Structures are given as structure tokens and as C-alpha cells.
């Protein structure tokens, strides 16, 4: 079972929308709350854009005694480092080089898999 920590980006499913905020079920039966303050003064308008059952990308802000504080507005916040992301520690100057290597490695792996499929 995955142990979540602050900074993890996760796709979850909205299971309830209340005046308090949006309750999201994460993989492995965890759930958390995107508090209405995440939307600032726009909460009354913003809440209408979300539906129960909708997938939503969130970032874990805090975990306390099994309770998850989540954010939608801060998913792209570079200050919240996701330690599960292989690119978190990459310096901007090296990003292109590492991304190209990752893409090249992925293409090679796909070719190997295609080869193995055609041989069987």
C-alpha cells in the first residue's frame, strides 16, 4: 500500500462536494479534503465546475493521523516537491537532456517489447 507524503501528485475521484470543500478518494482507499479556502473567494462559483465521480488531479499538502489535506490550485506549485517524481531534483539546465534520454530509453523498451511479441 502506498504511503502518501506532502508533495505527491495524485489523481483521485470526487466523492462529495459540501460547503467545507471537495472530498476526494485517492488510490488505495485513502481520502482527503480540498478545503474551500483552496479556491479563495471563488468557492461558490468554482464548486459548480466539479461533479461527484469526476477525476481530479490533486497535490497532498499535509497528512495528519490519516487525514489528508489536498489542493487543486497548487498542483503545479514548484515549492511542493514530489519526492516520487524522478525529475524533482533535476536542474533546469539538465532537464532537456534527461527528458530526451528518458524518451529514448522508452522507445528502445517499446521496440524490445514489439520484437518479443512478434517472436511469440
C-alpha atoms as a PDB file:
ATOM      1  CA  UNK A   1       0.000   0.000   0.000  1.00  0.00           C
ATOM      2  CA  UNK A   2       1.358   3.403  -0.969  1.00  0.00           C
ATOM      3  CA  UNK A   3       2.243   5.791   1.832  1.00  0.00           C
ATOM      4  CA  UNK A   4       1.471   9.325   0.749  1.00  0.00           C
ATOM      5  CA  UNK A   5       3.552  12.321   1.749  1.00  0.00           C
ATOM      6  CA  UNK A   6       3.388  16.061   1.200  1.00  0.00           C
ATOM      7  CA  UNK A   7       4.125  16.958  -2.408  1.00  0.00           C
ATOM      8  CA  UNK A   8       2.742  13.787  -4.007  1.00  0.00           C
ATOM      9  CA  UNK A   9       0.626  14.500  -7.074  1.00  0.00           C
ATOM     10  CA  UNK A  10      -2.263  12.058  -7.298  1.00  0.00           C
ATOM     11  CA  UNK A  11      -5.330  11.544  -9.453  1.00  0.00           C
ATOM     12  CA  UNK A  12      -8.394  10.892  -7.339  1.00  0.00           C
ATOM     13  CA  UNK A  13     -12.155  10.782  -7.718  1.00  0.00           C
ATOM     14  CA  UNK A  14     -14.517  13.332  -6.177  1.00  0.00           C
ATOM     15  CA  UNK A  15     -16.853  11.563  -3.750  1.00  0.00           C
ATOM     16  CA  UNK A  16     -18.613  14.558  -2.191  1.00  0.00           C
ATOM     17  CA  UNK A  17     -18.885  18.336  -2.520  1.00  0.00           C
ATOM     18  CA  UNK A  18     -20.006  20.311   0.530  1.00  0.00           C
ATOM     19  CA  UNK A  19     -19.739  23.827   1.911  1.00  0.00           C
ATOM     20  CA  UNK A  20     -16.481  22.660   3.532  1.00  0.00           C
ATOM     21  CA  UNK A  21     -14.892  21.714   0.204  1.00  0.00           C
ATOM     22  CA  UNK A  22     -14.328  18.776  -2.135  1.00  0.00           C
ATOM     23  CA  UNK A  23     -13.786  15.293  -0.718  1.00  0.00           C
ATOM     24  CA  UNK A  24     -11.547  13.179  -2.944  1.00  0.00           C
ATOM     25  CA  UNK A  25     -10.923   9.434  -2.839  1.00  0.00           C
ATOM     26  CA  UNK A  26      -7.295   8.609  -3.647  1.00  0.00           C
ATOM     27  CA  UNK A  27      -5.920   5.251  -4.789  1.00  0.00           C
ATOM     28  CA  UNK A  28      -5.639   2.601  -2.045  1.00  0.00           C
ATOM     29  CA  UNK A  29      -8.858   3.772  -0.368  1.00  0.00           C
ATOM     30  CA  UNK A  30      -7.379   6.925   1.120  1.00  0.00           C
ATOM     31  CA  UNK A  31      -9.417  10.093   1.001  1.00  0.00           C
ATOM     32  CA  UNK A  32      -8.838  13.727   1.694  1.00  0.00           C
ATOM     33  CA  UNK A  33     -10.306  17.193   1.552  1.00  0.00           C
ATOM     34  CA  UNK A  34      -9.636  20.103  -0.776  1.00  0.00           C
ATOM     35  CA  UNK A  35     -10.762  22.849   1.617  1.00  0.00           C
ATOM     36  CA  UNK A  36     -12.914  25.619   0.153  1.00  0.00           C
ATOM     37  CA  UNK A  37     -10.146  28.120   1.002  1.00  0.00           C
ATOM     38  CA  UNK A  38      -8.072  26.484  -1.778  1.00  0.00           C
ATOM     39  CA  UNK A  39     -10.337  28.380  -4.196  1.00  0.00           C
ATOM     40  CA  UNK A  40     -10.177  31.715  -2.346  1.00  0.00           C
ATOM     41  CA  UNK A  41     -13.256  33.888  -2.703  1.00  0.00           C
ATOM     42  CA  UNK A  42     -14.272  31.984  -5.840  1.00  0.00           C
ATOM     43  CA  UNK A  43     -15.540  28.881  -3.974  1.00  0.00           C
ATOM     44  CA  UNK A  44     -19.279  29.447  -4.628  1.00  0.00           C
ATOM     45  CA  UNK A  45     -18.602  29.712  -8.376  1.00  0.00           C
ATOM     46  CA  UNK A  46     -15.781  27.133  -8.530  1.00  0.00           C
ATOM     47  CA  UNK A  47     -17.727  24.364  -6.794  1.00  0.00           C
ATOM     48  CA  UNK A  48     -20.197  24.269  -9.679  1.00  0.00           C
ATOM     49  CA  UNK A  49     -17.384  23.215 -12.044  1.00  0.00           C
ATOM     50  CA  UNK A  50     -16.896  19.925 -10.194  1.00  0.00           C
ATOM     51  CA  UNK A  51     -19.110  16.842 -10.113  1.00  0.00           C
ATOM     52  CA  UNK A  52     -19.210  13.741  -7.924  1.00  0.00           C
ATOM     53  CA  UNK A  53     -17.434  10.911  -9.746  1.00  0.00           C
ATOM     54  CA  UNK A  54     -15.145  13.296 -11.654  1.00  0.00           C
ATOM     55  CA  UNK A  55     -11.416  12.517 -11.735  1.00  0.00           C
ATOM     56  CA  UNK A  56      -9.295  15.358 -10.427  1.00  0.00           C
ATOM     57  CA  UNK A  57      -5.546  15.896 -10.050  1.00  0.00           C
ATOM     58  CA  UNK A  58      -4.558  16.981  -6.530  1.00  0.00           C
ATOM     59  CA  UNK A  59      -1.392  17.540  -4.530  1.00  0.00           C
ATOM     60  CA  UNK A  60      -1.030  16.290  -0.956  1.00  0.00           C
ATOM     61  CA  UNK A  61      -0.366  19.285   1.295  1.00  0.00           C
ATOM     62  CA  UNK A  62      -0.324  17.550   4.660  1.00  0.00           C
ATOM     63  CA  UNK A  63      -1.088  14.182   6.250  1.00  0.00           C
ATOM     64  CA  UNK A  64      -2.032  14.111   9.924  1.00  0.00           C
ATOM     65  CA  UNK A  65      -3.345  10.970  11.678  1.00  0.00           C
ATOM     66  CA  UNK A  66      -4.578   9.554   8.383  1.00  0.00           C
ATOM     67  CA  UNK A  67      -6.336  12.772   7.369  1.00  0.00           C
ATOM     68  CA  UNK A  68      -5.218  14.253   4.064  1.00  0.00           C
ATOM     69  CA  UNK A  69      -5.201  17.954   3.230  1.00  0.00           C
ATOM     70  CA  UNK A  70      -5.266  18.300  -0.541  1.00  0.00           C
ATOM     71  CA  UNK A  71      -5.054  21.134  -3.047  1.00  0.00           C
ATOM     72  CA  UNK A  72      -6.170  21.527  -6.630  1.00  0.00           C
ATOM     73  CA  UNK A  73      -4.859  25.071  -7.082  1.00  0.00           C
ATOM     74  CA  UNK A  74      -1.306  24.135  -6.042  1.00  0.00           C
ATOM     75  CA  UNK A  75      -0.829  21.041  -8.242  1.00  0.00           C
ATOM     76  CA  UNK A  76       1.773  22.903 -10.332  1.00  0.00           C
ATOM     77  CA  UNK A  77       3.421  24.689  -7.395  1.00  0.00           C
ATOM     78  CA  UNK A  78       7.196  24.076  -7.721  1.00  0.00           C
ATOM     79  CA  UNK A  79       7.614  24.720  -3.979  1.00  0.00           C
ATOM     80  CA  UNK A  80       5.755  21.463  -3.245  1.00  0.00           C
ATOM     81  CA  UNK A  81       8.356  18.884  -4.251  1.00  0.00           C
ATOM     82  CA  UNK A  82       7.069  15.411  -5.103  1.00  0.00           C
ATOM     83  CA  UNK A  83       9.846  13.085  -3.968  1.00  0.00           C
ATOM     84  CA  UNK A  84       8.329  10.235  -6.019  1.00  0.00           C
ATOM     85  CA  UNK A  85       8.903  12.239  -9.219  1.00  0.00           C
ATOM     86  CA  UNK A  86      12.180  11.259 -10.893  1.00  0.00           C
ATOM     87  CA  UNK A  87      12.595  14.813 -12.229  1.00  0.00           C
ATOM     88  CA  UNK A  88      12.223  16.603  -8.852  1.00  0.00           C
ATOM     89  CA  UNK A  89      15.941  17.057  -8.317  1.00  0.00           C
ATOM     90  CA  UNK A  90      16.806  17.898 -11.917  1.00  0.00           C
ATOM     91  CA  UNK A  91      18.325  21.298 -12.509  1.00  0.00           C
ATOM     92  CA  UNK A  92      16.540  23.248 -15.275  1.00  0.00           C
ATOM     93  CA  UNK A  93      19.710  23.272 -17.404  1.00  0.00           C
ATOM     94  CA  UNK A  94      19.786  19.445 -17.420  1.00  0.00           C
ATOM     95  CA  UNK A  95      16.069  18.838 -17.872  1.00  0.00           C
ATOM     96  CA  UNK A  96      16.067  18.595 -21.692  1.00  0.00           C
ATOM     97  CA  UNK A  97      18.983  16.177 -21.683  1.00  0.00           C
ATOM     98  CA  UNK A  98      17.383  13.888 -19.086  1.00  0.00           C
ATOM     99  CA  UNK A  99      13.953  14.078 -20.731  1.00  0.00           C
ATOM    100  CA  UNK A 100      15.445  13.148 -24.121  1.00  0.00           C
ATOM    101  CA  UNK A 101      17.310  10.214 -22.556  1.00  0.00           C
ATOM    102  CA  UNK A 102      14.098   9.029 -20.861  1.00  0.00           C
ATOM    103  CA  UNK A 103      12.196   9.256 -24.161  1.00  0.00           C
ATOM    104  CA  UNK A 104      14.987   7.386 -25.984  1.00  0.00           C
ATOM    105  CA  UNK A 105      15.038   4.654 -23.317  1.00  0.00           C
ATOM    106  CA  UNK A 106      11.248   4.332 -23.538  1.00  0.00           C
ATOM    107  CA  UNK A 107      11.366   3.978 -27.352  1.00  0.00           C
ATOM    108  CA  UNK A 108      14.036   1.282 -27.052  1.00  0.00           C
ATOM    109  CA  UNK A 109      11.960  -0.589 -24.473  1.00  0.00           C
ATOM    110  CA  UNK A 110       8.867  -0.381 -26.706  1.00  0.00           C
ATOM    111  CA  UNK A 111      10.849  -1.783 -29.619  1.00  0.00           C
ATOM    112  CA  UNK A 112      12.084  -4.679 -27.455  1.00  0.00           C
ATOM    113  CA  UNK A 113       8.513  -5.433 -26.398  1.00  0.00           C
ATOM    114  CA  UNK A 114       7.282  -5.287 -30.005  1.00  0.00           C
ATOM    115  CA  UNK A 115      10.106  -7.638 -31.015  1.00  0.00           C
ATOM    116  CA  UNK A 116       9.199 -10.073 -28.239  1.00  0.00           C
ATOM    117  CA  UNK A 117       5.534 -10.022 -29.299  1.00  0.00           C
ATOM    118  CA  UNK A 118       6.299 -10.741 -32.954  1.00  0.00           C
ATOM    119  CA  UNK A 119       8.641 -13.604 -31.990  1.00  0.00           C
ATOM    120  CA  UNK A 120       5.942 -15.395 -29.978  1.00  0.00           C
END
